[in-house]
Amino acid sequence: MSDDDLIELRREIHRHPEPAGQERRTAALVAAALRAIAVGVEAMAGFLRARSEAL
């Protein structure tokens, strides 16, 4: 993931703000970005916990 990709992800998240504790779209975007760089993701209750696939 390039710097430009991260900047676009940040911009996309900020274009569609969500109430605290209800960040479903944000969580989905971040989860997809992490999967794209081969990081396992669990989305739970409006926040993300990431862990390496190697663990």
PDB file of N, CA and C in Angstrom:
ATOM      1  N   MET A   1       0.861  -1.173   0.000  1.00  0.00           N
ATOM      2  CA  MET A   1       0.000   0.000   0.000  1.00  0.00           C
ATOM      3  C   MET A   1       0.903   1.229   0.000  1.00  0.00           C
ATOM      4  N   SER A   2       0.672   2.074  -0.957  1.00  0.00           N
ATOM      5  CA  SER A   2       1.512   3.263  -1.106  1.00  0.00           C
ATOM      6  C   SER A   2       1.024   4.394  -0.196  1.00  0.00           C
ATOM      7  N   ASP A   3       1.850   5.410  -0.084  1.00  0.00           N
ATOM      8  CA  ASP A   3       1.441   6.607   0.663  1.00  0.00           C
ATOM      9  C   ASP A   3       0.169   7.207   0.066  1.00  0.00           C
ATOM     10  N   ASP A   4       0.092   7.228  -1.263  1.00  0.00           N
ATOM     11  CA  ASP A   4      -1.093   7.771  -1.927  1.00  0.00           C
ATOM     12  C   ASP A   4      -2.342   6.958  -1.577  1.00  0.00           C
ATOM     13  N   ASP A   5      -2.190   5.631  -1.474  1.00  0.00           N
ATOM     14  CA  ASP A   5      -3.319   4.776  -1.092  1.00  0.00           C
ATOM     15  C   ASP A   5      -3.792   5.097   0.324  1.00  0.00           C
ATOM     16  N   LEU A   6      -2.848   5.294   1.234  1.00  0.00           N
ATOM     17  CA  LEU A   6      -3.211   5.629   2.617  1.00  0.00           C
ATOM     18  C   LEU A   6      -3.887   6.991   2.703  1.00  0.00           C
ATOM     19  N   ILE A   7      -3.388   7.932   1.934  1.00  0.00           N
ATOM     20  CA  ILE A   7      -4.002   9.263   1.916  1.00  0.00           C
ATOM     21  C   ILE A   7      -5.428   9.167   1.393  1.00  0.00           C
ATOM     22  N   GLU A   8      -5.637   8.401   0.331  1.00  0.00           N
ATOM     23  CA  GLU A   8      -6.986   8.246  -0.222  1.00  0.00           C
ATOM     24  C   GLU A   8      -7.906   7.531   0.770  1.00  0.00           C
ATOM     25  N   LEU A   9      -7.399   6.538   1.487  1.00  0.00           N
ATOM     26  CA  LEU A   9      -8.190   5.855   2.508  1.00  0.00           C
ATOM     27  C   LEU A   9      -8.620   6.848   3.588  1.00  0.00           C
ATOM     28  N   ARG A  10      -7.705   7.655   4.062  1.00  0.00           N
ATOM     29  CA  ARG A  10      -8.032   8.674   5.076  1.00  0.00           C
ATOM     30  C   ARG A  10      -9.082   9.641   4.554  1.00  0.00           C
ATOM     31  N   ARG A  11      -8.912  10.081   3.330  1.00  0.00           N
ATOM     32  CA  ARG A  11      -9.886  11.020   2.748  1.00  0.00           C
ATOM     33  C   ARG A  11     -11.268  10.379   2.611  1.00  0.00           C
ATOM     34  N   GLU A  12     -11.294   9.126   2.186  1.00  0.00           N
ATOM     35  CA  GLU A  12     -12.562   8.415   2.037  1.00  0.00           C
ATOM     36  C   GLU A  12     -13.266   8.265   3.387  1.00  0.00           C
ATOM     37  N   ILE A  13     -12.522   7.939   4.420  1.00  0.00           N
ATOM     38  CA  ILE A  13     -13.099   7.814   5.763  1.00  0.00           C
ATOM     39  C   ILE A  13     -13.671   9.157   6.217  1.00  0.00           C
ATOM     40  N   HIS A  14     -12.952  10.227   5.979  1.00  0.00           N
ATOM     41  CA  HIS A  14     -13.396  11.544   6.434  1.00  0.00           C
ATOM     42  C   HIS A  14     -14.527  12.135   5.583  1.00  0.00           C
ATOM     43  N   ARG A  15     -14.700  11.621   4.358  1.00  0.00           N
ATOM     44  CA  ARG A  15     -15.828  12.061   3.532  1.00  0.00           C
ATOM     45  C   ARG A  15     -17.161  11.548   4.076  1.00  0.00           C
ATOM     46  N   HIS A  16     -17.103  10.457   4.841  1.00  0.00           N
ATOM     47  CA  HIS A  16     -18.312   9.807   5.351  1.00  0.00           C
ATOM     48  C   HIS A  16     -18.178   9.571   6.852  1.00  0.00           C
ATOM     49  N   PRO A  17     -18.226  10.624   7.663  1.00  0.00           N
ATOM     50  CA  PRO A  17     -18.066  10.452   9.113  1.00  0.00           C
ATOM     51  C   PRO A  17     -19.213   9.618   9.704  1.00  0.00           C
ATOM     52  N   GLU A  18     -18.881   8.852  10.737  1.00  0.00           N
ATOM     53  CA  GLU A  18     -19.861   8.008  11.420  1.00  0.00           C
ATOM     54  C   GLU A  18     -19.830   8.323  12.911  1.00  0.00           C
ATOM     55  N   PRO A  19     -20.953   8.166  13.592  1.00  0.00           N
ATOM     56  CA  PRO A  19     -20.980   8.401  15.042  1.00  0.00           C
ATOM     57  C   PRO A  19     -20.055   7.429  15.785  1.00  0.00           C
ATOM     58  N   ALA A  20     -19.507   7.897  16.885  1.00  0.00           N
ATOM     59  CA  ALA A  20     -18.636   7.051  17.706  1.00  0.00           C
ATOM     60  C   ALA A  20     -19.366   5.773  18.098  1.00  0.00           C
ATOM     61  N   GLY A  21     -18.681   4.662  17.977  1.00  0.00           N
ATOM     62  CA  GLY A  21     -19.254   3.372  18.315  1.00  0.00           C
ATOM     63  C   GLY A  21     -20.075   2.753  17.191  1.00  0.00           C
ATOM     64  N   GLN A  22     -20.212   3.458  16.074  1.00  0.00           N
ATOM     65  CA  GLN A  22     -21.005   2.965  14.947  1.00  0.00           C
ATOM     66  C   GLN A  22     -20.205   3.026  13.642  1.00  0.00           C
ATOM     67  N   GLU A  23     -18.935   2.832  13.732  1.00  0.00           N
ATOM     68  CA  GLU A  23     -18.031   3.010  12.586  1.00  0.00           C
ATOM     69  C   GLU A  23     -17.979   1.771  11.699  1.00  0.00           C
ATOM     70  N   ARG A  24     -19.120   1.302  11.256  1.00  0.00           N
ATOM     71  CA  ARG A  24     -19.160   0.071  10.454  1.00  0.00           C
ATOM     72  C   ARG A  24     -18.494   0.246   9.095  1.00  0.00           C
ATOM     73  N   ARG A  25     -18.791   1.323   8.409  1.00  0.00           N
ATOM     74  CA  ARG A  25     -18.185   1.564   7.094  1.00  0.00           C
ATOM     75  C   ARG A  25     -16.682   1.774   7.232  1.00  0.00           C
ATOM     76  N   THR A  26     -16.305   2.565   8.228  1.00  0.00           N
ATOM     77  CA  THR A  26     -14.882   2.797   8.485  1.00  0.00           C
ATOM     78  C   THR A  26     -14.172   1.484   8.785  1.00  0.00           C
ATOM     79  N   ALA A  27     -14.779   0.663   9.636  1.00  0.00           N
ATOM     80  CA  ALA A  27     -14.177  -0.631   9.985  1.00  0.00           C
ATOM     81  C   ALA A  27     -14.010  -1.507   8.751  1.00  0.00           C
ATOM     82  N   ALA A  28     -15.009  -1.504   7.872  1.00  0.00           N
ATOM     83  CA  ALA A  28     -14.923  -2.307   6.652  1.00  0.00           C
ATOM     84  C   ALA A  28     -13.812  -1.812   5.735  1.00  0.00           C
ATOM     85  N   LEU A  29     -13.682  -0.496   5.597  1.00  0.00           N
ATOM     86  CA  LEU A  29     -12.618   0.063   4.760  1.00  0.00           C
ATOM     87  C   LEU A  29     -11.231  -0.278   5.312  1.00  0.00           C
ATOM     88  N   VAL A  30     -11.067  -0.117   6.606  1.00  0.00           N
ATOM     89  CA  VAL A  30      -9.771  -0.412   7.219  1.00  0.00           C
ATOM     90  C   VAL A  30      -9.478  -1.909   7.136  1.00  0.00           C
ATOM     91  N   ALA A  31     -10.483  -2.740   7.382  1.00  0.00           N
ATOM     92  CA  ALA A  31     -10.290  -4.194   7.290  1.00  0.00           C
ATOM     93  C   ALA A  31      -9.855  -4.594   5.889  1.00  0.00           C
ATOM     94  N   ALA A  32     -10.486  -4.026   4.873  1.00  0.00           N
ATOM     95  CA  ALA A  32     -10.107  -4.339   3.495  1.00  0.00           C
ATOM     96  C   ALA A  32      -8.676  -3.900   3.204  1.00  0.00           C
ATOM     97  N   ALA A  33      -8.296  -2.732   3.701  1.00  0.00           N
ATOM     98  CA  ALA A  33      -6.930  -2.244   3.490  1.00  0.00           C
ATOM     99  C   ALA A  33      -5.917  -3.154   4.183  1.00  0.00           C
ATOM    100  N   LEU A  34      -6.240  -3.608   5.391  1.00  0.00           N
ATOM    101  CA  LEU A  34      -5.321  -4.496   6.101  1.00  0.00           C
ATOM    102  C   LEU A  34      -5.226  -5.861   5.415  1.00  0.00           C
ATOM    103  N   ARG A  35      -6.348  -6.371   4.944  1.00  0.00           N
ATOM    104  CA  ARG A  35      -6.309  -7.647   4.206  1.00  0.00           C
ATOM    105  C   ARG A  35      -5.455  -7.520   2.953  1.00  0.00           C
ATOM    106  N   ALA A  36      -5.515  -6.357   2.306  1.00  0.00           N
ATOM    107  CA  ALA A  36      -4.740  -6.130   1.086  1.00  0.00           C
ATOM    108  C   ALA A  36      -3.237  -6.215   1.336  1.00  0.00           C
ATOM    109  N   ILE A  37      -2.816  -5.950   2.564  1.00  0.00           N
ATOM    110  CA  ILE A  37      -1.385  -6.066   2.888  1.00  0.00           C
ATOM    111  C   ILE A  37      -1.130  -7.289   3.752  1.00  0.00           C
ATOM    112  N   ALA A  38      -2.071  -8.256   3.699  1.00  0.00           N
ATOM    113  CA  ALA A  38      -1.922  -9.566   4.337  1.00  0.00           C
ATOM    114  C   ALA A  38      -1.849  -9.506   5.862  1.00  0.00           C
ATOM    115  N   VAL A  39      -2.674  -8.662   6.470  1.00  0.00           N
ATOM    116  CA  VAL A  39      -2.795  -8.615   7.917  1.00  0.00           C
ATOM    117  C   VAL A  39      -4.181  -9.137   8.260  1.00  0.00           C
ATOM    118  N   GLY A  40      -4.279 -10.124   9.165  1.00  0.00           N
ATOM    119  CA  GLY A  40      -5.584 -10.642   9.561  1.00  0.00           C
ATOM    120  C   GLY A  40      -6.325  -9.623  10.409  1.00  0.00           C
ATOM    121  N   VAL A  41      -7.648  -9.604  10.280  1.00  0.00           N
ATOM    122  CA  VAL A  41      -8.439  -8.592  10.965  1.00  0.00           C
ATOM    123  C   VAL A  41      -9.689  -9.207  11.582  1.00  0.00           C
ATOM    124  N   GLU A  42     -10.033  -8.755  12.778  1.00  0.00           N
ATOM    125  CA  GLU A  42     -11.314  -9.088  13.393  1.00  0.00           C
ATOM    126  C   GLU A  42     -12.006  -7.766  13.713  1.00  0.00           C
ATOM    127  N   ALA A  43     -13.194  -7.563  13.159  1.00  0.00           N
ATOM    128  CA  ALA A  43     -13.959  -6.342  13.461  1.00  0.00           C
ATOM    129  C   ALA A  43     -14.942  -6.678  14.578  1.00  0.00           C
ATOM    130  N   MET A  44     -14.891  -5.920  15.684  1.00  0.00           N
ATOM    131  CA  MET A  44     -15.747  -6.191  16.834  1.00  0.00           C
ATOM    132  C   MET A  44     -16.214  -4.887  17.445  1.00  0.00           C
ATOM    133  N   ALA A  45     -17.543  -4.727  17.580  1.00  0.00           N
ATOM    134  CA  ALA A  45     -18.152  -3.608  18.305  1.00  0.00           C
ATOM    135  C   ALA A  45     -17.585  -2.252  17.911  1.00  0.00           C
ATOM    136  N   GLY A  46     -17.466  -2.009  16.601  1.00  0.00           N
ATOM    137  CA  GLY A  46     -17.075  -0.680  16.132  1.00  0.00           C
ATOM    138  C   GLY A  46     -15.590  -0.385  16.184  1.00  0.00           C
ATOM    139  N   PHE A  47     -14.737  -1.357  16.491  1.00  0.00           N
ATOM    140  CA  PHE A  47     -13.295  -1.127  16.459  1.00  0.00           C
ATOM    141  C   PHE A  47     -12.601  -2.329  15.852  1.00  0.00           C
ATOM    142  N   LEU A  48     -11.379  -2.167  15.492  1.00  0.00           N
ATOM    143  CA  LEU A  48     -10.628  -3.251  14.861  1.00  0.00           C
ATOM    144  C   LEU A  48      -9.491  -3.724  15.741  1.00  0.00           C
ATOM    145  N   ARG A  49      -9.289  -5.021  15.737  1.00  0.00           N
ATOM    146  CA  ARG A  49      -8.087  -5.588  16.335  1.00  0.00           C
ATOM    147  C   ARG A  49      -7.361  -6.325  15.209  1.00  0.00           C
ATOM    148  N   ALA A  50      -6.141  -5.932  14.954  1.00  0.00           N
ATOM    149  CA  ALA A  50      -5.372  -6.581  13.885  1.00  0.00           C
ATOM    150  C   ALA A  50      -4.292  -7.468  14.484  1.00  0.00           C
ATOM    151  N   ARG A  51      -4.028  -8.561  13.802  1.00  0.00           N
ATOM    152  CA  ARG A  51      -2.938  -9.438  14.231  1.00  0.00           C
ATOM    153  C   ARG A  51      -2.266 -10.008  12.997  1.00  0.00           C
ATOM    154  N   SER A  52      -1.058 -10.319  13.152  1.00  0.00           N
ATOM    155  CA  SER A  52      -0.307 -10.878  12.029  1.00  0.00           C
ATOM    156  C   SER A  52      -0.816 -12.287  11.717  1.00  0.00           C
ATOM    157  N   GLU A  53      -0.887 -12.637  10.459  1.00  0.00           N
ATOM    158  CA  GLU A  53      -1.297 -13.995  10.069  1.00  0.00           C
ATOM    159  C   GLU A  53      -0.306 -15.029  10.598  1.00  0.00           C
ATOM    160  N   ALA A  54       0.894 -14.618  10.864  1.00  0.00           N
ATOM    161  CA  ALA A  54       1.927 -15.546  11.329  1.00  0.00           C
ATOM    162  C   ALA A  54       1.727 -15.981  12.777  1.00  0.00           C
ATOM    163  N   LEU A  55       0.952 -15.236  13.537  1.00  0.00           N
ATOM    164  CA  LEU A  55       0.767 -15.559  14.966  1.00  0.00           C
ATOM    165  C   LEU A  55      -0.177 -16.698  15.168  1.00  0.00           C
TER     166      LEU A  55
END
